[in-house]
Protein backbone atom coordinates (compact mmCIF):
# COMPACT_ATOMS: atom_id res chain seq x y z
CA MET A 1 99.42 44.96 79.88
CA ALA A 2 96.88 42.75 78.12
CA LYS A 3 93.33 42.61 79.40
CA GLN A 4 92.62 39.61 81.61
CA TYR A 5 89.96 37.35 80.12
CA ILE A 6 89.60 34.99 83.04
CA THR A 7 89.81 35.66 86.73
CA ILE A 8 91.94 33.21 88.68
CA GLU A 9 89.98 33.00 91.90
CA ASN A 10 92.08 30.45 93.80
CA VAL A 11 94.96 27.99 93.34
CA THR A 12 95.51 25.08 95.70
CA GLY A 13 98.43 22.66 95.65
CA GLY A 14 100.60 24.96 93.58
CA ASP A 15 102.08 28.41 93.19
CA LYS A 16 99.55 31.00 91.95
CA SER A 17 102.36 33.02 90.36
CA LYS A 18 102.92 30.16 87.89
CA VAL A 19 99.38 30.50 86.49
CA LYS A 20 99.58 32.88 83.53
CA GLN A 21 97.36 34.10 80.73
CA SER A 22 98.37 34.80 77.18
CA LEU A 23 95.07 34.98 75.31
CA LYS A 24 94.88 36.65 71.93
CA PHE A 25 91.08 36.93 71.87
CA LYS A 26 88.21 36.26 74.21
CA THR A 27 86.19 33.10 73.71
CA GLY A 28 83.99 30.95 75.92
CA LYS A 29 85.96 27.88 74.84
CA PHE A 30 89.57 28.76 75.63
CA VAL A 31 92.09 25.93 76.01
CA TRP A 32 94.09 25.38 79.20
CA ARG A 33 97.76 24.53 78.63
CA VAL A 34 99.57 22.88 81.54
CA LYS A 35 103.36 22.76 81.17
CA PHE A 36 105.45 20.08 82.89
CA THR A 37 109.19 19.98 83.52
CA ALA A 38 109.60 16.29 82.66
CA PRO A 39 108.24 13.98 79.94
CA LEU A 40 104.96 12.36 80.97
CA ASN A 41 103.62 8.84 80.82
CA PRO A 42 100.95 9.15 78.08
CA ASN A 43 98.82 6.48 79.81
CA SER A 44 98.34 8.82 82.79
CA ILE A 45 96.92 11.64 80.65
CA ASN A 46 93.16 11.23 80.57
CA ASN A 47 89.93 12.88 81.69
CA ARG A 48 90.03 11.13 85.07
CA ASN A 49 93.40 12.67 85.95
CA LEU A 50 92.85 16.12 84.34
CA TYR A 51 89.38 17.59 84.24
CA VAL A 52 87.24 20.71 84.59
CA THR A 53 84.12 20.97 86.75
CA SER A 54 81.62 23.69 87.49
CA SER A 55 81.56 25.06 91.03
CA LYS A 56 78.73 22.57 91.65
CA GLN A 57 81.12 19.71 90.70
CA VAL A 58 79.40 19.04 87.35
CA PRO A 59 82.09 17.83 84.91
CA LEU A 60 82.53 19.56 81.56
CA LEU A 61 83.15 17.55 78.42
CA THR A 62 86.75 18.12 77.36
CA ASN A 63 89.31 16.99 74.82
CA ILE A 64 92.78 16.35 76.25
CA ARG A 65 95.95 16.43 74.12
CA TYR A 66 99.56 15.82 75.12
CA ASP A 67 102.46 17.48 73.29
CA SER A 68 105.38 15.17 74.12
CA ILE A 69 107.93 17.44 72.42
CA ASN A 70 107.12 20.49 74.57
CA ASN A 71 105.85 18.58 77.66
CA TYR A 72 102.48 20.24 77.93
CA ILE A 73 98.88 19.09 78.11
CA GLU A 74 96.02 21.00 76.52
CA ILE A 75 92.52 20.75 78.00
CA GLU A 76 89.92 22.00 75.54
CA PRO A 77 86.25 22.30 76.53
CA LEU A 78 83.78 20.76 74.11
CA GLU A 79 81.08 23.06 75.46
CA PRO A 80 81.46 26.79 76.20
CA TYR A 81 82.09 28.11 79.68
CA GLU A 82 79.17 30.11 81.05
CA LYS A 83 79.82 33.76 81.81
CA ASP A 84 80.13 34.58 85.54
CA GLU A 85 80.19 30.87 86.51
CA SER A 86 83.13 29.61 88.57
CA TYR A 87 84.96 26.53 87.32
CA LEU A 88 87.69 24.31 88.69
CA LEU A 89 90.58 22.87 86.69
CA HIS A 90 91.84 19.72 88.44
CA VAL A 91 95.28 18.18 87.83
CA THR A 92 95.48 15.09 90.04
CA THR A 93 98.51 13.33 91.45
CA ASN A 94 97.76 10.43 89.09
CA VAL A 95 99.48 12.34 86.26
CA LYS A 96 102.88 10.62 86.15
CA SER A 97 106.24 11.19 84.54
CA LYS A 98 107.71 8.54 82.25
CA GLY A 99 109.78 7.46 85.26
CA GLY A 100 106.62 6.91 87.33
CA GLN A 101 106.86 9.98 89.58
CA LYS A 102 103.60 11.68 90.59
CA LEU A 103 102.93 15.32 91.35
CA ALA A 104 103.54 16.12 95.01
CA ASN A 105 100.06 17.70 95.35
CA GLU A 106 96.87 17.83 93.36
CA ILE A 107 96.57 21.24 91.75
CA THR A 108 93.18 22.92 91.57
CA ILE A 109 92.67 26.25 89.86
CA GLN A 110 89.38 28.03 90.43
CA PHE A 111 88.56 30.48 87.66
CA LYS A 112 85.73 32.55 86.23
CA VAL A 113 85.23 33.68 82.63
């Protein structure tokens, strides 16, 4: 089994077993990829609806991309994660499908590099 590069500390609003790692090399600027089962409304994909904060609620600068063919969003930090600091990835219920449906719950993943 591959070495784990991040530690998933907690998942709220979702199923922890659906959070997976497939990193090829360790870096302080890894990209989160969030896969959805339905096409998304591109207007709902922004840094107010998907964002990363430190454990002290300080937001990190990120670049957000949507792959409409594969229905996933990538959240790339524009600054490196600090070692041994806990962070929170937030996916709010304001992310909507093309049909206007929202997520049932906000998903928050607490992790540490």
